[in-house]
Amino acid sequence: MIEISNVTKVYNKTYKAVDNISMDIRDGEIFGLLGPNGAGKTTTIKMLTGIIDITEGEIKLNGKSIKDNSLEAKKLFGFVPDSPDMFLRLKGIEYLNFMADVYQVSKEDRKQRIAELAKVFDMESALGDKIMSYSHGMRQKIVIMGTLVHNPRIWILDEPMTGLDPKSSFDLKTMMRQHADNGNTVLFSTHVLEVAEKVCDRVAIINKGKVLFCGTLNEMKEHFKENESLEKMFLEMTENA
């Protein structure tokens, strides 16, 4: 579970990138964070993962404060950033072993886990190549594999479908569903509203640093009192804001 309580991020002492947001992402659900560019989604995720400091408020992951108990909190999640261009001089297998070392995954467990993930994402033949030689989609796959190699309870995914081929995108969505159904937590941001509509149990719509809505799609439709698509409801909320 992720608890976000009255969280604010201020830059240059004046600009509020995130403005007093609160929400809970529960165990057993896929939670989508939606919003236009510059809405505050990535800033929120960077505070969740401890990459940037929280100006005000509190974030807890399975009861561990990311501010006061950062190391213990970071052991609980896997994070896919919005860019896969990292560790480009390493071979794929070197990167996966590095990530397994960071999270202290045993030799036996990592071998099995890497083999399973490489099969799912069709990366078996590419693990011996340097990441710099990979296409954008392959880089996205290796980053996702590195994120999941220690089998974290909490998945935090920032635009994870970007660059993935249809099969890999489908497989990742299936894995997200299975992970949530096993009582774990999945939070992901996306610009693709159709994906959110099909995959998410609940969503939050954020714009200009504020949460405009948090709940199920049915609750959103009841609010609008019309059988509108997520796209129409999203556009109406963000344009009015």
C-alpha atoms as a PDB file:
ATOM      1  CA  MET A   1       0.000   0.000   0.000  1.00  0.00           C
ATOM      2  CA  ILE A   2       1.103   3.528  -0.795  1.00  0.00           C
ATOM      3  CA  GLU A   3      -0.136   6.382   1.385  1.00  0.00           C
ATOM      4  CA  ILE A   4       0.261   9.943   0.085  1.00  0.00           C
ATOM      5  CA  SER A   5      -0.780  12.510   2.700  1.00  0.00           C
ATOM      6  CA  ASN A   6      -0.956  16.278   2.022  1.00  0.00           C
ATOM      7  CA  VAL A   7       2.115  16.200  -0.209  1.00  0.00           C
ATOM      8  CA  THR A   8       3.475  19.373  -1.802  1.00  0.00           C
ATOM      9  CA  LYS A   9       6.568  19.989  -3.934  1.00  0.00           C
ATOM     10  CA  VAL A  10       7.792  23.550  -4.355  1.00  0.00           C
ATOM     11  CA  TYR A  11      10.559  24.587  -6.770  1.00  0.00           C
ATOM     12  CA  ASN A  12      12.466  27.875  -6.476  1.00  0.00           C
ATOM     13  CA  LYS A  13      10.425  28.734  -3.367  1.00  0.00           C
ATOM     14  CA  THR A  14       7.456  29.762  -5.499  1.00  0.00           C
ATOM     15  CA  TYR A  15       6.355  27.179  -8.100  1.00  0.00           C
ATOM     16  CA  LYS A  16       4.148  24.375  -6.762  1.00  0.00           C
ATOM     17  CA  ALA A  17       4.658  21.401  -9.071  1.00  0.00           C
ATOM     18  CA  VAL A  18       2.515  19.313  -6.708  1.00  0.00           C
ATOM     19  CA  ASP A  19      -0.011  21.070  -4.480  1.00  0.00           C
ATOM     20  CA  ASN A  20      -1.267  19.336  -1.311  1.00  0.00           C
ATOM     21  CA  ILE A  21      -2.308  15.997  -2.835  1.00  0.00           C
ATOM     22  CA  SER A  22      -3.582  13.015  -0.827  1.00  0.00           C
ATOM     23  CA  MET A  23      -4.487   9.512  -1.982  1.00  0.00           C
ATOM     24  CA  ASP A  24      -4.050   5.852  -1.054  1.00  0.00           C
ATOM     25  CA  ILE A  25      -3.005   3.161  -3.530  1.00  0.00           C
ATOM     26  CA  ARG A  26      -4.270  -0.078  -2.033  1.00  0.00           C
ATOM     27  CA  ASP A  27      -2.956  -3.613  -2.075  1.00  0.00           C
ATOM     28  CA  GLY A  28      -4.628  -5.729  -4.740  1.00  0.00           C
ATOM     29  CA  GLU A  29      -5.298  -2.948  -7.239  1.00  0.00           C
ATOM     30  CA  ILE A  30      -3.841  -1.363 -10.344  1.00  0.00           C
ATOM     31  CA  PHE A  31      -3.902   2.398  -9.872  1.00  0.00           C
ATOM     32  CA  GLY A  32      -3.478   4.758 -12.823  1.00  0.00           C
ATOM     33  CA  LEU A  33      -2.057   8.264 -12.536  1.00  0.00           C
ATOM     34  CA  LEU A  34      -3.372  10.335 -15.448  1.00  0.00           C
ATOM     35  CA  GLY A  35      -2.760  13.892 -16.531  1.00  0.00           C
ATOM     36  CA  PRO A  36      -1.475  16.111 -19.338  1.00  0.00           C
ATOM     37  CA  ASN A  37       2.207  16.942 -19.777  1.00  0.00           C
ATOM     38  CA  GLY A  38       3.507  19.012 -16.876  1.00  0.00           C
ATOM     39  CA  ALA A  39       0.602  18.044 -14.637  1.00  0.00           C
ATOM     40  CA  GLY A  40       2.804  16.774 -11.794  1.00  0.00           C
ATOM     41  CA  LYS A  41       2.688  13.014 -12.439  1.00  0.00           C
ATOM     42  CA  THR A  42       6.437  12.442 -12.753  1.00  0.00           C
ATOM     43  CA  THR A  43       7.166  14.820  -9.859  1.00  0.00           C
ATOM     44  CA  THR A  44       4.785  12.785  -7.699  1.00  0.00           C
ATOM     45  CA  ILE A  45       6.464   9.540  -8.733  1.00  0.00           C
ATOM     46  CA  LYS A  46       9.933  10.972  -8.064  1.00  0.00           C
ATOM     47  CA  MET A  47       8.843  11.896  -4.540  1.00  0.00           C
ATOM     48  CA  LEU A  48       7.348   8.430  -4.077  1.00  0.00           C
ATOM     49  CA  THR A  49      10.664   6.833  -4.998  1.00  0.00           C
ATOM     50  CA  GLY A  50      12.856   9.222  -3.016  1.00  0.00           C
ATOM     51  CA  ILE A  51      14.545  10.715  -6.089  1.00  0.00           C
ATOM     52  CA  ILE A  52      13.499  14.210  -5.032  1.00  0.00           C
ATOM     53  CA  ASP A  53      12.627  15.520  -1.583  1.00  0.00           C
ATOM     54  CA  ILE A  54       9.108  16.243  -0.392  1.00  0.00           C
ATOM     55  CA  THR A  55       8.577  19.908   0.529  1.00  0.00           C
ATOM     56  CA  GLU A  56       5.590  19.181   2.766  1.00  0.00           C
ATOM     57  CA  GLY A  57       3.580  16.101   3.667  1.00  0.00           C
ATOM     58  CA  GLU A  58       4.255  12.390   4.071  1.00  0.00           C
ATOM     59  CA  ILE A  59       4.568   9.335   1.811  1.00  0.00           C
ATOM     60  CA  LYS A  60       4.575   5.798   3.201  1.00  0.00           C
ATOM     61  CA  LEU A  61       5.140   2.543   1.350  1.00  0.00           C
ATOM     62  CA  ASN A  62       3.790  -0.436   3.286  1.00  0.00           C
ATOM     63  CA  GLY A  63       4.111   1.687   6.411  1.00  0.00           C
ATOM     64  CA  LYS A  64       7.708   2.823   5.738  1.00  0.00           C
ATOM     65  CA  SER A  65       8.245   6.567   5.366  1.00  0.00           C
ATOM     66  CA  ILE A  66      10.184   7.462   2.213  1.00  0.00           C
ATOM     67  CA  LYS A  67      11.412  10.558   4.047  1.00  0.00           C
ATOM     68  CA  ASP A  68      12.335   9.156   7.463  1.00  0.00           C
ATOM     69  CA  ASN A  69      13.089   5.516   6.593  1.00  0.00           C
ATOM     70  CA  SER A  70      14.258   5.865   3.015  1.00  0.00           C
ATOM     71  CA  LEU A  71      16.441   2.767   2.655  1.00  0.00           C
ATOM     72  CA  GLU A  72      13.846   0.367   4.062  1.00  0.00           C
ATOM     73  CA  ALA A  73      11.115   1.950   1.945  1.00  0.00           C
ATOM     74  CA  LYS A  74      13.193   1.661  -1.241  1.00  0.00           C
ATOM     75  CA  LYS A  75      13.663  -2.076  -0.704  1.00  0.00           C
ATOM     76  CA  LEU A  76       9.916  -2.540  -1.079  1.00  0.00           C
ATOM     77  CA  PHE A  77       9.373  -1.278  -4.624  1.00  0.00           C
ATOM     78  CA  GLY A  78      10.557  -1.633  -8.184  1.00  0.00           C
ATOM     79  CA  PHE A  79      10.629   1.519 -10.306  1.00  0.00           C
ATOM     80  CA  VAL A  80      10.510   1.941 -14.079  1.00  0.00           C
ATOM     81  CA  PRO A  81      11.502   5.564 -14.930  1.00  0.00           C
ATOM     82  CA  ASP A  82      10.172   7.538 -17.889  1.00  0.00           C
ATOM     83  CA  SER A  83      13.426   7.095 -19.861  1.00  0.00           C
ATOM     84  CA  PRO A  84      15.176   3.741 -20.489  1.00  0.00           C
ATOM     85  CA  ASP A  85      18.500   5.294 -21.541  1.00  0.00           C
ATOM     86  CA  MET A  86      20.735   4.201 -18.666  1.00  0.00           C
ATOM     87  CA  PHE A  87      23.801   1.998 -18.089  1.00  0.00           C
ATOM     88  CA  LEU A  88      24.258   1.900 -21.853  1.00  0.00           C
ATOM     89  CA  ARG A  89      27.807   0.500 -21.707  1.00  0.00           C
ATOM     90  CA  LEU A  90      26.707  -2.576 -19.774  1.00  0.00           C
ATOM     91  CA  LYS A  91      25.522  -5.754 -21.434  1.00  0.00           C
ATOM     92  CA  GLY A  92      21.933  -6.690 -20.711  1.00  0.00           C
ATOM     93  CA  ILE A  93      22.901  -9.569 -18.449  1.00  0.00           C
ATOM     94  CA  GLU A  94      25.413  -7.360 -16.601  1.00  0.00           C
ATOM     95  CA  TYR A  95      22.693  -4.808 -15.900  1.00  0.00           C
ATOM     96  CA  LEU A  96      20.307  -7.480 -14.618  1.00  0.00           C
ATOM     97  CA  ASN A  97      22.977  -8.956 -12.355  1.00  0.00           C
ATOM     98  CA  PHE A  98      23.828  -5.468 -11.100  1.00  0.00           C
ATOM     99  CA  MET A  99      20.192  -4.877 -10.182  1.00  0.00           C
ATOM    100  CA  ALA A 100      20.028  -8.300  -8.528  1.00  0.00           C
ATOM    101  CA  ASP A 101      23.155  -7.421  -6.511  1.00  0.00           C
ATOM    102  CA  VAL A 102      21.614  -4.125  -5.364  1.00  0.00           C
ATOM    103  CA  TYR A 103      18.586  -5.964  -4.005  1.00  0.00           C
ATOM    104  CA  GLN A 104      20.617  -8.919  -2.691  1.00  0.00           C
ATOM    105  CA  VAL A 105      18.894 -11.545  -4.841  1.00  0.00           C
ATOM    106  CA  SER A 106      20.534 -14.958  -4.441  1.00  0.00           C
ATOM    107  CA  LYS A 107      22.358 -16.570  -7.379  1.00  0.00           C
ATOM    108  CA  GLU A 108      19.712 -19.294  -7.669  1.00  0.00           C
ATOM    109  CA  ASP A 109      16.727 -16.954  -7.511  1.00  0.00           C
ATOM    110  CA  ARG A 110      18.170 -14.434  -9.963  1.00  0.00           C
ATOM    111  CA  LYS A 111      19.002 -17.122 -12.522  1.00  0.00           C
ATOM    112  CA  GLN A 112      15.427 -18.375 -12.490  1.00  0.00           C
ATOM    113  CA  ARG A 113      13.924 -14.883 -12.435  1.00  0.00           C
ATOM    114  CA  ILE A 114      16.088 -13.587 -15.299  1.00  0.00           C
ATOM    115  CA  ALA A 115      15.271 -16.649 -17.391  1.00  0.00           C
ATOM    116  CA  GLU A 116      11.526 -16.169 -16.804  1.00  0.00           C
ATOM    117  CA  LEU A 117      11.591 -12.455 -17.620  1.00  0.00           C
ATOM    118  CA  ALA A 118      13.816 -12.912 -20.689  1.00  0.00           C
ATOM    119  CA  LYS A 119      11.334 -15.433 -22.060  1.00  0.00           C
ATOM    120  CA  VAL A 120       8.316 -13.218 -21.407  1.00  0.00           C
ATOM    121  CA  PHE A 121       9.926 -10.218 -23.130  1.00  0.00           C
ATOM    122  CA  ASP A 122      11.683 -12.222 -25.874  1.00  0.00           C
ATOM    123  CA  MET A 123      15.131 -10.976 -24.790  1.00  0.00           C
ATOM    124  CA  GLU A 124      17.004 -14.268 -24.423  1.00  0.00           C
ATOM    125  CA  SER A 125      19.236 -13.736 -27.452  1.00  0.00           C
ATOM    126  CA  ALA A 126      19.995 -10.074 -26.599  1.00  0.00           C
ATOM    127  CA  LEU A 127      21.268 -10.370 -23.031  1.00  0.00           C
ATOM    128  CA  GLY A 128      24.881 -10.742 -24.176  1.00  0.00           C
ATOM    129  CA  ASP A 129      24.756  -7.479 -26.160  1.00  0.00           C
ATOM    130  CA  LYS A 130      25.459  -3.981 -24.828  1.00  0.00           C
ATOM    131  CA  ILE A 131      22.400  -1.919 -23.981  1.00  0.00           C
ATOM    132  CA  MET A 132      23.644   0.891 -26.245  1.00  0.00           C
ATOM    133  CA  SER A 133      23.031  -1.435 -29.210  1.00  0.00           C
ATOM    134  CA  TYR A 134      19.383  -1.988 -28.224  1.00  0.00           C
ATOM    135  CA  SER A 135      16.406  -0.306 -29.840  1.00  0.00           C
ATOM    136  CA  HIS A 136      14.265   1.967 -27.667  1.00  0.00           C
ATOM    137  CA  GLY A 137      11.782  -0.840 -27.112  1.00  0.00           C
ATOM    138  CA  MET A 138      14.501  -3.298 -26.087  1.00  0.00           C
ATOM    139  CA  ARG A 139      15.927  -0.750 -23.644  1.00  0.00           C
ATOM    140  CA  GLN A 140      12.466  -0.371 -22.146  1.00  0.00           C
ATOM    141  CA  LYS A 141      12.231  -4.138 -21.761  1.00  0.00           C
ATOM    142  CA  ILE A 142      15.614  -4.490 -20.036  1.00  0.00           C
ATOM    143  CA  VAL A 143      14.750  -1.694 -17.593  1.00  0.00           C
ATOM    144  CA  ILE A 144      11.435  -3.392 -16.764  1.00  0.00           C
ATOM    145  CA  MET A 145      13.252  -6.704 -16.279  1.00  0.00           C
ATOM    146  CA  GLY A 146      15.771  -5.033 -13.956  1.00  0.00           C
ATOM    147  CA  THR A 147      12.910  -3.498 -11.997  1.00  0.00           C
ATOM    148  CA  LEU A 148      11.177  -6.844 -11.506  1.00  0.00           C
ATOM    149  CA  VAL A 149      14.213  -9.068 -10.915  1.00  0.00           C
ATOM    150  CA  HIS A 150      13.860  -8.847  -7.120  1.00  0.00           C
ATOM    151  CA  ASN A 151      10.091  -9.480  -7.312  1.00  0.00           C
ATOM    152  CA  PRO A 152       9.049  -6.350  -5.346  1.00  0.00           C
ATOM    153  CA  ARG A 153       5.662  -6.081  -3.636  1.00  0.00           C
ATOM    154  CA  ILE A 154       5.100  -2.559  -5.009  1.00  0.00           C
ATOM    155  CA  TRP A 155       5.490  -1.699  -8.703  1.00  0.00           C
ATOM    156  CA  ILE A 156       5.874   1.989  -9.610  1.00  0.00           C
ATOM    157  CA  LEU A 157       5.880   2.412 -13.386  1.00  0.00           C
ATOM    158  CA  ASP A 158       6.242   5.766 -15.180  1.00  0.00           C
ATOM    159  CA  GLU A 159       4.862   5.414 -18.723  1.00  0.00           C
ATOM    160  CA  PRO A 160       5.930   1.730 -18.881  1.00  0.00           C
ATOM    161  CA  MET A 161       4.280   0.936 -22.232  1.00  0.00           C
ATOM    162  CA  THR A 162       6.257   3.541 -24.188  1.00  0.00           C
ATOM    163  CA  GLY A 163       8.209   1.854 -26.971  1.00  0.00           C
ATOM    164  CA  LEU A 164       6.946  -1.658 -26.265  1.00  0.00           C
ATOM    165  CA  ASP A 165       5.675  -3.810 -29.118  1.00  0.00           C
ATOM    166  CA  PRO A 166       2.036  -4.984 -28.843  1.00  0.00           C
ATOM    167  CA  LYS A 167       2.914  -8.427 -27.477  1.00  0.00           C
ATOM    168  CA  SER A 168       5.274  -7.100 -24.790  1.00  0.00           C
ATOM    169  CA  SER A 169       2.721  -4.435 -23.851  1.00  0.00           C
ATOM    170  CA  PHE A 170       0.036  -7.110 -23.522  1.00  0.00           C
ATOM    171  CA  ASP A 171       2.347  -9.344 -21.480  1.00  0.00           C
ATOM    172  CA  LEU A 172       3.253  -6.488 -19.135  1.00  0.00           C
ATOM    173  CA  LYS A 173      -0.411  -5.636 -18.575  1.00  0.00           C
ATOM    174  CA  THR A 174      -1.083  -9.312 -17.838  1.00  0.00           C
ATOM    175  CA  MET A 175       1.790  -9.353 -15.318  1.00  0.00           C
ATOM    176  CA  MET A 176       0.451  -6.173 -13.696  1.00  0.00           C
ATOM    177  CA  ARG A 177      -2.980  -7.784 -13.298  1.00  0.00           C
ATOM    178  CA  GLN A 178      -1.528 -10.978 -11.852  1.00  0.00           C
ATOM    179  CA  HIS A 179       0.693  -9.017  -9.453  1.00  0.00           C
ATOM    180  CA  ALA A 180      -2.242  -6.983  -8.169  1.00  0.00           C
ATOM    181  CA  ASP A 181      -4.501 -10.044  -7.927  1.00  0.00           C
ATOM    182  CA  ASN A 182      -1.872 -11.642  -5.674  1.00  0.00           C
ATOM    183  CA  GLY A 183      -2.429  -8.847  -3.136  1.00  0.00           C
ATOM    184  CA  ASN A 184       0.332  -6.502  -4.299  1.00  0.00           C
ATOM    185  CA  THR A 185       0.321  -2.860  -5.396  1.00  0.00           C
ATOM    186  CA  VAL A 186       0.730  -1.486  -8.932  1.00  0.00           C
ATOM    187  CA  LEU A 187       0.926   2.248  -9.638  1.00  0.00           C
ATOM    188  CA  PHE A 188       1.561   3.481 -13.148  1.00  0.00           C
ATOM    189  CA  SER A 189       1.303   6.720 -15.048  1.00  0.00           C
ATOM    190  CA  THR A 190       0.173   6.836 -18.637  1.00  0.00           C
ATOM    191  CA  HIS A 191      -0.926   9.176 -21.412  1.00  0.00           C
ATOM    192  CA  VAL A 192      -2.797   6.332 -23.136  1.00  0.00           C
ATOM    193  CA  LEU A 193      -6.305   6.646 -21.767  1.00  0.00           C
ATOM    194  CA  GLU A 194      -7.512   3.453 -23.462  1.00  0.00           C
ATOM    195  CA  VAL A 195      -4.918   1.474 -21.483  1.00  0.00           C
ATOM    196  CA  ALA A 196      -6.039   3.059 -18.224  1.00  0.00           C
ATOM    197  CA  GLU A 197      -9.686   2.356 -19.035  1.00  0.00           C
ATOM    198  CA  LYS A 198      -9.013  -1.344 -19.657  1.00  0.00           C
ATOM    199  CA  VAL A 199      -6.420  -2.025 -16.957  1.00  0.00           C
ATOM    200  CA  CYS A 200      -7.011   0.203 -13.921  1.00  0.00           C
ATOM    201  CA  ASP A 201      -9.158  -0.532 -10.889  1.00  0.00           C
ATOM    202  CA  ARG A 202      -8.955   3.122  -9.861  1.00  0.00           C
ATOM    203  CA  VAL A 203      -7.447   6.268 -11.344  1.00  0.00           C
ATOM    204  CA  ALA A 204      -6.397   9.726 -10.219  1.00  0.00           C
ATOM    205  CA  ILE A 205      -6.506  12.631 -12.636  1.00  0.00           C
ATOM    206  CA  ILE A 206      -3.939  15.292 -11.825  1.00  0.00           C
ATOM    207  CA  ASN A 207      -3.499  18.687 -13.451  1.00  0.00           C
ATOM    208  CA  LYS A 208      -1.450  21.726 -12.433  1.00  0.00           C
ATOM    209  CA  GLY A 209      -0.266  19.846  -9.373  1.00  0.00           C
ATOM    210  CA  LYS A 210      -3.750  19.150  -7.992  1.00  0.00           C
ATOM    211  CA  VAL A 211      -5.808  15.951  -7.901  1.00  0.00           C
ATOM    212  CA  LEU A 212      -9.037  16.611  -9.780  1.00  0.00           C
ATOM    213  CA  PHE A 213     -10.506  13.156  -9.277  1.00  0.00           C
ATOM    214  CA  CYS A 214      -9.607   9.908  -7.506  1.00  0.00           C
ATOM    215  CA  GLY A 215     -11.762   6.798  -7.748  1.00  0.00           C
ATOM    216  CA  THR A 216     -13.162   4.173 -10.090  1.00  0.00           C
ATOM    217  CA  LEU A 217     -14.282   4.858 -13.641  1.00  0.00           C
ATOM    218  CA  ASN A 218     -17.859   4.042 -12.637  1.00  0.00           C
ATOM    219  CA  GLU A 219     -17.661   6.695  -9.910  1.00  0.00           C
ATOM    220  CA  MET A 220     -16.393   9.164 -12.500  1.00  0.00           C
ATOM    221  CA  LYS A 221     -19.254   8.327 -14.851  1.00  0.00           C
ATOM    222  CA  GLU A 222     -21.768   8.800 -12.039  1.00  0.00           C
ATOM    223  CA  HIS A 223     -20.244  12.221 -11.374  1.00  0.00           C
ATOM    224  CA  PHE A 224     -20.763  13.226 -15.006  1.00  0.00           C
ATOM    225  CA  LYS A 225     -24.185  11.520 -15.143  1.00  0.00           C
ATOM    226  CA  GLU A 226     -23.490  10.509 -18.734  1.00  0.00           C
ATOM    227  CA  ASN A 227     -22.149   7.389 -20.406  1.00  0.00           C
ATOM    228  CA  GLU A 228     -19.077   9.196 -21.683  1.00  0.00           C
ATOM    229  CA  SER A 229     -15.661   7.768 -22.533  1.00  0.00           C
ATOM    230  CA  LEU A 230     -12.700   8.276 -20.219  1.00  0.00           C
ATOM    231  CA  GLU A 231     -11.200  10.512 -22.904  1.00  0.00           C
ATOM    232  CA  LYS A 232     -14.170  12.905 -22.878  1.00  0.00           C
ATOM    233  CA  MET A 233     -14.332  13.014 -19.084  1.00  0.00           C
ATOM    234  CA  PHE A 234     -10.573  13.542 -18.853  1.00  0.00           C
ATOM    235  CA  LEU A 235     -10.618  16.388 -21.359  1.00  0.00           C
ATOM    236  CA  GLU A 236     -13.565  18.090 -19.682  1.00  0.00           C
ATOM    237  CA  MET A 237     -11.920  17.963 -16.241  1.00  0.00           C
ATOM    238  CA  THR A 238      -8.476  19.123 -17.331  1.00  0.00           C
ATOM    239  CA  GLU A 239      -9.790  21.868 -19.629  1.00  0.00           C
ATOM    240  CA  ASN A 240     -12.075  23.223 -16.918  1.00  0.00           C
ATOM    241  CA  ALA A 241      -9.182  23.175 -14.446  1.00  0.00           C
END
